């Protein structure tokens, strides 16, 4: 379940400070996205590993165009979002 049409999907965890930071970027710019906690949804942890070549890195953000950002800086995320 990488993406669903025009939905940005962010895989993360509750304890991840980078995830909190990325969520803040989405909130500041009022960008809608779907958040999936990989500690709650076990299948999502497997998806993250597949997306990251065997690494369980979060946040992993999947865009509708298939682009994947892993642990992006605020600037990289904002650039991809076009804000």
PDB file of N, CA and C in Angstrom:
ATOM      1  N   UNK A   1       0.825  -1.187   0.000  1.00  0.00           N
ATOM      2  CA  UNK A   1       0.000   0.000   0.000  1.00  0.00           C
ATOM      3  C   UNK A   1       0.863   1.240   0.000  1.00  0.00           C
ATOM      4  N   UNK A   2       1.691   1.394  -0.964  1.00  0.00           N
ATOM      5  CA  UNK A   2       2.603   2.524  -1.005  1.00  0.00           C
ATOM      6  C   UNK A   2       1.850   3.846  -1.142  1.00  0.00           C
ATOM      7  N   UNK A   3       1.007   3.972  -2.153  1.00  0.00           N
ATOM      8  CA  UNK A   3       0.225   5.196  -2.294  1.00  0.00           C
ATOM      9  C   UNK A   3      -1.169   4.857  -2.789  1.00  0.00           C
ATOM     10  N   UNK A   4      -2.036   5.808  -2.677  1.00  0.00           N
ATOM     11  CA  UNK A   4      -3.400   5.655  -3.168  1.00  0.00           C
ATOM     12  C   UNK A   4      -3.751   6.897  -3.973  1.00  0.00           C
ATOM     13  N   UNK A   5      -3.591   6.817  -5.286  1.00  0.00           N
ATOM     14  CA  UNK A   5      -3.884   7.914  -6.205  1.00  0.00           C
ATOM     15  C   UNK A   5      -3.133   9.189  -5.853  1.00  0.00           C
ATOM     16  N   UNK A   6      -3.810  10.167  -5.276  1.00  0.00           N
ATOM     17  CA  UNK A   6      -3.173  11.456  -5.023  1.00  0.00           C
ATOM     18  C   UNK A   6      -2.886  11.693  -3.545  1.00  0.00           C
ATOM     19  N   UNK A   7      -2.702  10.635  -2.801  1.00  0.00           N
ATOM     20  CA  UNK A   7      -2.484  10.746  -1.360  1.00  0.00           C
ATOM     21  C   UNK A   7      -1.002  10.581  -1.026  1.00  0.00           C
ATOM     22  N   UNK A   8      -0.476  11.499  -0.234  1.00  0.00           N
ATOM     23  CA  UNK A   8       0.874  11.353   0.300  1.00  0.00           C
ATOM     24  C   UNK A   8       0.770  10.437   1.509  1.00  0.00           C
ATOM     25  N   UNK A   9       1.649   9.451   1.582  1.00  0.00           N
ATOM     26  CA  UNK A   9       1.644   8.512   2.697  1.00  0.00           C
ATOM     27  C   UNK A   9       2.949   8.663   3.462  1.00  0.00           C
ATOM     28  N   UNK A  10       2.831   8.879   4.774  1.00  0.00           N
ATOM     29  CA  UNK A  10       4.007   8.966   5.629  1.00  0.00           C
ATOM     30  C   UNK A  10       4.002   7.805   6.601  1.00  0.00           C
ATOM     31  N   UNK A  11       5.057   7.005   6.543  1.00  0.00           N
ATOM     32  CA  UNK A  11       5.260   5.917   7.492  1.00  0.00           C
ATOM     33  C   UNK A  11       6.157   6.444   8.602  1.00  0.00           C
ATOM     34  N   UNK A  12       5.772   6.206   9.851  1.00  0.00           N
ATOM     35  CA  UNK A  12       6.564   6.700  10.963  1.00  0.00           C
ATOM     36  C   UNK A  12       6.287   5.934  12.237  1.00  0.00           C
ATOM     37  N   UNK A  13       6.788   6.484  13.340  1.00  0.00           N
ATOM     38  CA  UNK A  13       6.556   5.920  14.669  1.00  0.00           C
ATOM     39  C   UNK A  13       6.287   7.072  15.639  1.00  0.00           C
ATOM     40  N   UNK A  14       5.671   6.750  16.749  1.00  0.00           N
ATOM     41  CA  UNK A  14       5.350   7.765  17.757  1.00  0.00           C
ATOM     42  C   UNK A  14       6.599   8.331  18.424  1.00  0.00           C
ATOM     43  N   UNK A  15       7.653   7.528  18.501  1.00  0.00           N
ATOM     44  CA  UNK A  15       8.863   7.936  19.218  1.00  0.00           C
ATOM     45  C   UNK A  15       9.894   8.642  18.337  1.00  0.00           C
ATOM     46  N   UNK A  16       9.621   8.786  17.068  1.00  0.00           N
ATOM     47  CA  UNK A  16      10.581   9.323  16.098  1.00  0.00           C
ATOM     48  C   UNK A  16      10.510  10.849  16.030  1.00  0.00           C
ATOM     49  N   UNK A  17      11.584  11.519  16.424  1.00  0.00           N
ATOM     50  CA  UNK A  17      11.590  12.988  16.402  1.00  0.00           C
ATOM     51  C   UNK A  17      11.582  13.531  14.973  1.00  0.00           C
ATOM     52  N   UNK A  18      12.214  12.834  14.036  1.00  0.00           N
ATOM     53  CA  UNK A  18      12.173  13.271  12.639  1.00  0.00           C
ATOM     54  C   UNK A  18      10.753  13.176  12.084  1.00  0.00           C
ATOM     55  N   UNK A  19       9.996  12.179  12.545  1.00  0.00           N
ATOM     56  CA  UNK A  19       8.594  12.043  12.124  1.00  0.00           C
ATOM     57  C   UNK A  19       7.777  13.223  12.632  1.00  0.00           C
ATOM     58  N   UNK A  20       8.002  13.596  13.869  1.00  0.00           N
ATOM     59  CA  UNK A  20       7.307  14.745  14.456  1.00  0.00           C
ATOM     60  C   UNK A  20       7.624  16.010  13.671  1.00  0.00           C
ATOM     61  N   UNK A  21       8.877  16.165  13.291  1.00  0.00           N
ATOM     62  CA  UNK A  21       9.306  17.331  12.524  1.00  0.00           C
ATOM     63  C   UNK A  21       8.626  17.358  11.154  1.00  0.00           C
ATOM     64  N   UNK A  22       8.580  16.209  10.479  1.00  0.00           N
ATOM     65  CA  UNK A  22       7.926  16.148   9.165  1.00  0.00           C
ATOM     66  C   UNK A  22       6.427  16.406   9.281  1.00  0.00           C
ATOM     67  N   UNK A  23       5.801  15.890  10.331  1.00  0.00           N
ATOM     68  CA  UNK A  23       4.375  16.160  10.559  1.00  0.00           C
ATOM     69  C   UNK A  23       4.140  17.663  10.715  1.00  0.00           C
ATOM     70  N   UNK A  24       5.068  18.324  11.395  1.00  0.00           N
ATOM     71  CA  UNK A  24       4.951  19.769  11.602  1.00  0.00           C
ATOM     72  C   UNK A  24       5.007  20.507  10.257  1.00  0.00           C
ATOM     73  N   UNK A  25       5.883  20.070   9.355  1.00  0.00           N
ATOM     74  CA  UNK A  25       5.967  20.691   8.027  1.00  0.00           C
ATOM     75  C   UNK A  25       4.632  20.546   7.298  1.00  0.00           C
ATOM     76  N   UNK A  26       4.058  19.344   7.329  1.00  0.00           N
ATOM     77  CA  UNK A  26       2.748  19.140   6.697  1.00  0.00           C
ATOM     78  C   UNK A  26       1.697  20.065   7.322  1.00  0.00           C
ATOM     79  N   UNK A  27       1.710  20.188   8.644  1.00  0.00           N
ATOM     80  CA  UNK A  27       0.716  21.012   9.343  1.00  0.00           C
ATOM     81  C   UNK A  27       0.878  22.495   9.019  1.00  0.00           C
ATOM     82  N   UNK A  28       2.107  22.980   9.062  1.00  0.00           N
ATOM     83  CA  UNK A  28       2.367  24.400   8.786  1.00  0.00           C
ATOM     84  C   UNK A  28       1.843  24.793   7.408  1.00  0.00           C
ATOM     85  N   UNK A  29       2.033  23.903   6.447  1.00  0.00           N
ATOM     86  CA  UNK A  29       1.646  24.206   5.065  1.00  0.00           C
ATOM     87  C   UNK A  29       0.270  23.650   4.695  1.00  0.00           C
ATOM     88  N   UNK A  30      -0.429  23.123   5.710  1.00  0.00           N
ATOM     89  CA  UNK A  30      -1.789  22.595   5.535  1.00  0.00           C
ATOM     90  C   UNK A  30      -1.874  21.584   4.389  1.00  0.00           C
ATOM     91  N   UNK A  31      -0.920  20.657   4.385  1.00  0.00           N
ATOM     92  CA  UNK A  31      -0.862  19.593   3.383  1.00  0.00           C
ATOM     93  C   UNK A  31      -1.486  18.339   3.985  1.00  0.00           C
ATOM     94  N   UNK A  32      -2.446  17.768   3.289  1.00  0.00           N
ATOM     95  CA  UNK A  32      -3.067  16.530   3.760  1.00  0.00           C
ATOM     96  C   UNK A  32      -2.176  15.343   3.415  1.00  0.00           C
ATOM     97  N   UNK A  33      -2.152  14.378   4.315  1.00  0.00           N
ATOM     98  CA  UNK A  33      -1.374  13.166   4.101  1.00  0.00           C
ATOM     99  C   UNK A  33      -1.967  12.066   4.960  1.00  0.00           C
ATOM    100  N   UNK A  34      -1.602  10.839   4.642  1.00  0.00           N
ATOM    101  CA  UNK A  34      -2.032   9.702   5.453  1.00  0.00           C
ATOM    102  C   UNK A  34      -0.837   9.251   6.276  1.00  0.00           C
ATOM    103  N   UNK A  35      -1.024   9.161   7.593  1.00  0.00           N
ATOM    104  CA  UNK A  35       0.042   8.728   8.494  1.00  0.00           C
ATOM    105  C   UNK A  35      -0.195   7.280   8.895  1.00  0.00           C
ATOM    106  N   UNK A  36       0.850   6.473   8.787  1.00  0.00           N
ATOM    107  CA  UNK A  36       0.767   5.071   9.181  1.00  0.00           C
ATOM    108  C   UNK A  36       1.897   4.782  10.161  1.00  0.00           C
ATOM    109  N   UNK A  37       1.534   4.390  11.379  1.00  0.00           N
ATOM    110  CA  UNK A  37       2.505   4.065  12.424  1.00  0.00           C
ATOM    111  C   UNK A  37       2.961   2.624  12.229  1.00  0.00           C
ATOM    112  N   UNK A  38       4.248   2.445  11.932  1.00  0.00           N
ATOM    113  CA  UNK A  38       4.750   1.098  11.644  1.00  0.00           C
ATOM    114  C   UNK A  38       4.879   0.230  12.892  1.00  0.00           C
ATOM    115  N   UNK A  39       4.799   0.844  14.068  1.00  0.00           N
ATOM    116  CA  UNK A  39       4.793   0.051  15.302  1.00  0.00           C
ATOM    117  C   UNK A  39       3.406  -0.520  15.582  1.00  0.00           C
ATOM    118  N   UNK A  40       2.385   0.086  14.994  1.00  0.00           N
ATOM    119  CA  UNK A  40       1.002  -0.360  15.181  1.00  0.00           C
ATOM    120  C   UNK A  40       0.572  -1.281  14.044  1.00  0.00           C
ATOM    121  N   UNK A  41       0.918  -0.901  12.836  1.00  0.00           N
ATOM    122  CA  UNK A  41       0.566  -1.675  11.643  1.00  0.00           C
ATOM    123  C   UNK A  41       1.785  -2.491  11.209  1.00  0.00           C
ATOM    124  N   UNK A  42       1.829  -3.750  11.587  1.00  0.00           N
ATOM    125  CA  UNK A  42       3.008  -4.574  11.312  1.00  0.00           C
ATOM    126  C   UNK A  42       3.318  -4.686   9.827  1.00  0.00           C
ATOM    127  N   UNK A  43       2.289  -4.768   8.984  1.00  0.00           N
ATOM    128  CA  UNK A  43       2.521  -4.857   7.545  1.00  0.00           C
ATOM    129  C   UNK A  43       3.264  -3.631   7.030  1.00  0.00           C
ATOM    130  N   UNK A  44       3.057  -2.482   7.677  1.00  0.00           N
ATOM    131  CA  UNK A  44       3.680  -1.241   7.228  1.00  0.00           C
ATOM    132  C   UNK A  44       5.187  -1.257   7.464  1.00  0.00           C
ATOM    133  N   UNK A  45       5.624  -1.907   8.530  1.00  0.00           N
ATOM    134  CA  UNK A  45       7.061  -2.029   8.780  1.00  0.00           C
ATOM    135  C   UNK A  45       7.718  -2.798   7.639  1.00  0.00           C
ATOM    136  N   UNK A  46       7.057  -3.841   7.163  1.00  0.00           N
ATOM    137  CA  UNK A  46       7.572  -4.606   6.025  1.00  0.00           C
ATOM    138  C   UNK A  46       7.626  -3.741   4.771  1.00  0.00           C
ATOM    139  N   UNK A  47       6.622  -2.911   4.581  1.00  0.00           N
ATOM    140  CA  UNK A  47       6.581  -2.014   3.421  1.00  0.00           C
ATOM    141  C   UNK A  47       7.740  -1.024   3.467  1.00  0.00           C
ATOM    142  N   UNK A  48       8.025  -0.479   4.645  1.00  0.00           N
ATOM    143  CA  UNK A  48       9.135   0.463   4.804  1.00  0.00           C
ATOM    144  C   UNK A  48      10.458  -0.217   4.466  1.00  0.00           C
ATOM    145  N   UNK A  49      10.638  -1.428   4.930  1.00  0.00           N
ATOM    146  CA  UNK A  49      11.867  -2.172   4.634  1.00  0.00           C
ATOM    147  C   UNK A  49      12.011  -2.367   3.123  1.00  0.00           C
ATOM    148  N   UNK A  50      10.927  -2.704   2.444  1.00  0.00           N
ATOM    149  CA  UNK A  50      10.962  -2.870   0.982  1.00  0.00           C
ATOM    150  C   UNK A  50      11.309  -1.554   0.287  1.00  0.00           C
ATOM    151  N   UNK A  51      10.689  -0.480   0.730  1.00  0.00           N
ATOM    152  CA  UNK A  51      10.917   0.823   0.106  1.00  0.00           C
ATOM    153  C   UNK A  51      12.337   1.327   0.309  1.00  0.00           C
ATOM    154  N   UNK A  52      12.983   0.895   1.392  1.00  0.00           N
ATOM    155  CA  UNK A  52      14.297   1.416   1.762  1.00  0.00           C
ATOM    156  C   UNK A  52      15.429   0.417   1.577  1.00  0.00           C
ATOM    157  N   UNK A  53      15.242  -0.532   0.701  1.00  0.00           N
ATOM    158  CA  UNK A  53      16.323  -1.469   0.399  1.00  0.00           C
ATOM    159  C   UNK A  53      16.801  -2.259   1.592  1.00  0.00           C
ATOM    160  N   UNK A  54      15.873  -2.641   2.466  1.00  0.00           N
ATOM    161  CA  UNK A  54      16.219  -3.457   3.620  1.00  0.00           C
ATOM    162  C   UNK A  54      16.356  -2.698   4.925  1.00  0.00           C
ATOM    163  N   UNK A  55      16.249  -1.385   4.875  1.00  0.00           N
ATOM    164  CA  UNK A  55      16.377  -0.574   6.086  1.00  0.00           C
ATOM    165  C   UNK A  55      15.006  -0.152   6.606  1.00  0.00           C
ATOM    166  N   UNK A  56      14.878  -0.138   7.910  1.00  0.00           N
ATOM    167  CA  UNK A  56      13.625   0.270   8.562  1.00  0.00           C
ATOM    168  C   UNK A  56      13.778   1.718   9.030  1.00  0.00           C
ATOM    169  N   UNK A  57      13.820   2.642   8.066  1.00  0.00           N
ATOM    170  CA  UNK A  57      14.058   4.052   8.353  1.00  0.00           C
ATOM    171  C   UNK A  57      12.757   4.839   8.292  1.00  0.00           C
ATOM    172  N   UNK A  58      12.556   5.699   9.279  1.00  0.00           N
ATOM    173  CA  UNK A  58      11.389   6.573   9.304  1.00  0.00           C
ATOM    174  C   UNK A  58      11.825   7.988   9.656  1.00  0.00           C
ATOM    175  N   UNK A  59      11.112   8.987   9.168  1.00  0.00           N
ATOM    176  CA  UNK A  59       9.949   8.839   8.318  1.00  0.00           C
ATOM    177  C   UNK A  59      10.319   8.422   6.897  1.00  0.00           C
ATOM    178  N   UNK A  60       9.453   7.623   6.328  1.00  0.00           N
ATOM    179  CA  UNK A  60       9.502   7.306   4.905  1.00  0.00           C
ATOM    180  C   UNK A  60       8.226   7.890   4.322  1.00  0.00           C
ATOM    181  N   UNK A  61       8.392   8.795   3.378  1.00  0.00           N
ATOM    182  CA  UNK A  61       7.250   9.513   2.812  1.00  0.00           C
ATOM    183  C   UNK A  61       7.141   9.158   1.332  1.00  0.00           C
ATOM    184  N   UNK A  62       5.979   8.634   0.950  1.00  0.00           N
ATOM    185  CA  UNK A  62       5.739   8.204  -0.426  1.00  0.00           C
ATOM    186  C   UNK A  62       4.752   9.173  -1.075  1.00  0.00           C
ATOM    187  N   UNK A  63       5.141   9.701  -2.225  1.00  0.00           N
ATOM    188  CA  UNK A  63       4.327  10.673  -2.950  1.00  0.00           C
ATOM    189  C   UNK A  63       3.562   9.996  -4.082  1.00  0.00           C
ATOM    190  N   UNK A  64       2.466  10.609  -4.513  1.00  0.00           N
ATOM    191  CA  UNK A  64       1.647  10.008  -5.572  1.00  0.00           C
ATOM    192  C   UNK A  64       2.415   9.694  -6.855  1.00  0.00           C
ATOM    193  N   UNK A  65       3.495  10.441  -7.124  1.00  0.00           N
ATOM    194  CA  UNK A  65       4.276  10.189  -8.335  1.00  0.00           C
ATOM    195  C   UNK A  65       5.270   9.043  -8.162  1.00  0.00           C
ATOM    196  N   UNK A  66       5.251   8.412  -6.977  1.00  0.00           N
ATOM    197  CA  UNK A  66       6.146   7.293  -6.714  1.00  0.00           C
ATOM    198  C   UNK A  66       7.454   7.677  -6.045  1.00  0.00           C
ATOM    199  N   UNK A  67       7.713   8.971  -5.926  1.00  0.00           N
ATOM    200  CA  UNK A  67       8.910   9.446  -5.253  1.00  0.00           C
ATOM    201  C   UNK A  67       8.856   9.080  -3.774  1.00  0.00           C
ATOM    202  N   UNK A  68      10.008   8.701  -3.223  1.00  0.00           N
ATOM    203  CA  UNK A  68      10.101   8.356  -1.809  1.00  0.00           C
ATOM    204  C   UNK A  68      11.178   9.222  -1.165  1.00  0.00           C
ATOM    205  N   UNK A  69      10.826   9.897  -0.079  1.00  0.00           N
ATOM    206  CA  UNK A  69      11.808  10.623   0.724  1.00  0.00           C
ATOM    207  C   UNK A  69      11.965   9.890   2.045  1.00  0.00           C
ATOM    208  N   UNK A  70      13.217   9.687   2.441  1.00  0.00           N
ATOM    209  CA  UNK A  70      13.517   8.989   3.685  1.00  0.00           C
ATOM    210  C   UNK A  70      14.275   9.941   4.597  1.00  0.00           C
ATOM    211  N   UNK A  71      13.735  10.150   5.799  1.00  0.00           N
ATOM    212  CA  UNK A  71      14.331  11.055   6.776  1.00  0.00           C
ATOM    213  C   UNK A  71      14.707  12.398   6.140  1.00  0.00           C
ATOM    214  N   UNK A  72      13.767  13.029   5.428  1.00  0.00           N
ATOM    215  CA  UNK A  72      14.116  14.277   4.741  1.00  0.00           C
ATOM    216  C   UNK A  72      14.296  15.439   5.712  1.00  0.00           C
ATOM    217  N   UNK A  73      15.140  16.371   5.301  1.00  0.00           N
ATOM    218  CA  UNK A  73      15.229  17.629   6.043  1.00  0.00           C
ATOM    219  C   UNK A  73      13.943  18.405   5.771  1.00  0.00           C
ATOM    220  N   UNK A  74      13.669  19.408   6.588  1.00  0.00           N
ATOM    221  CA  UNK A  74      12.494  20.251   6.344  1.00  0.00           C
ATOM    222  C   UNK A  74      12.588  20.877   4.956  1.00  0.00           C
ATOM    223  N   UNK A  75      13.778  21.346   4.599  1.00  0.00           N
ATOM    224  CA  UNK A  75      13.972  21.998   3.303  1.00  0.00           C
ATOM    225  C   UNK A  75      13.702  21.028   2.149  1.00  0.00           C
ATOM    226  N   UNK A  76      14.203  19.794   2.240  1.00  0.00           N
ATOM    227  CA  UNK A  76      13.961  18.810   1.178  1.00  0.00           C
ATOM    228  C   UNK A  76      12.477  18.486   1.056  1.00  0.00           C
ATOM    229  N   UNK A  77      11.801  18.352   2.195  1.00  0.00           N
ATOM    230  CA  UNK A  77      10.375  18.050   2.177  1.00  0.00           C
ATOM    231  C   UNK A  77       9.587  19.220   1.590  1.00  0.00           C
ATOM    232  N   UNK A  78       9.911  20.431   2.010  1.00  0.00           N
ATOM    233  CA  UNK A  78       9.216  21.610   1.483  1.00  0.00           C
ATOM    234  C   UNK A  78       9.461  21.771  -0.017  1.00  0.00           C
ATOM    235  N   UNK A  79      10.667  21.475  -0.472  1.00  0.00           N
ATOM    236  CA  UNK A  79      10.967  21.543  -1.904  1.00  0.00           C
ATOM    237  C   UNK A  79      10.109  20.554  -2.672  1.00  0.00           C
ATOM    238  N   UNK A  80      10.017  19.330  -2.178  1.00  0.00           N
ATOM    239  CA  UNK A  80       9.198  18.318  -2.846  1.00  0.00           C
ATOM    240  C   UNK A  80       7.727  18.719  -2.831  1.00  0.00           C
ATOM    241  N   UNK A  81       7.274  19.322  -1.748  1.00  0.00           N
ATOM    242  CA  UNK A  81       5.881  19.758  -1.632  1.00  0.00           C
ATOM    243  C   UNK A  81       5.595  21.013  -2.456  1.00  0.00           C
ATOM    244  N   UNK A  82       6.649  21.705  -2.873  1.00  0.00           N
ATOM    245  CA  UNK A  82       6.468  22.929  -3.653  1.00  0.00           C
ATOM    246  C   UNK A  82       6.007  24.111  -2.832  1.00  0.00           C
ATOM    247  N   UNK A  83       6.423  24.147  -1.576  1.00  0.00           N
ATOM    248  CA  UNK A  83       6.019  25.253  -0.693  1.00  0.00           C
ATOM    249  C   UNK A  83       7.224  26.042  -0.212  1.00  0.00           C
TER     250      UNK A  83
END
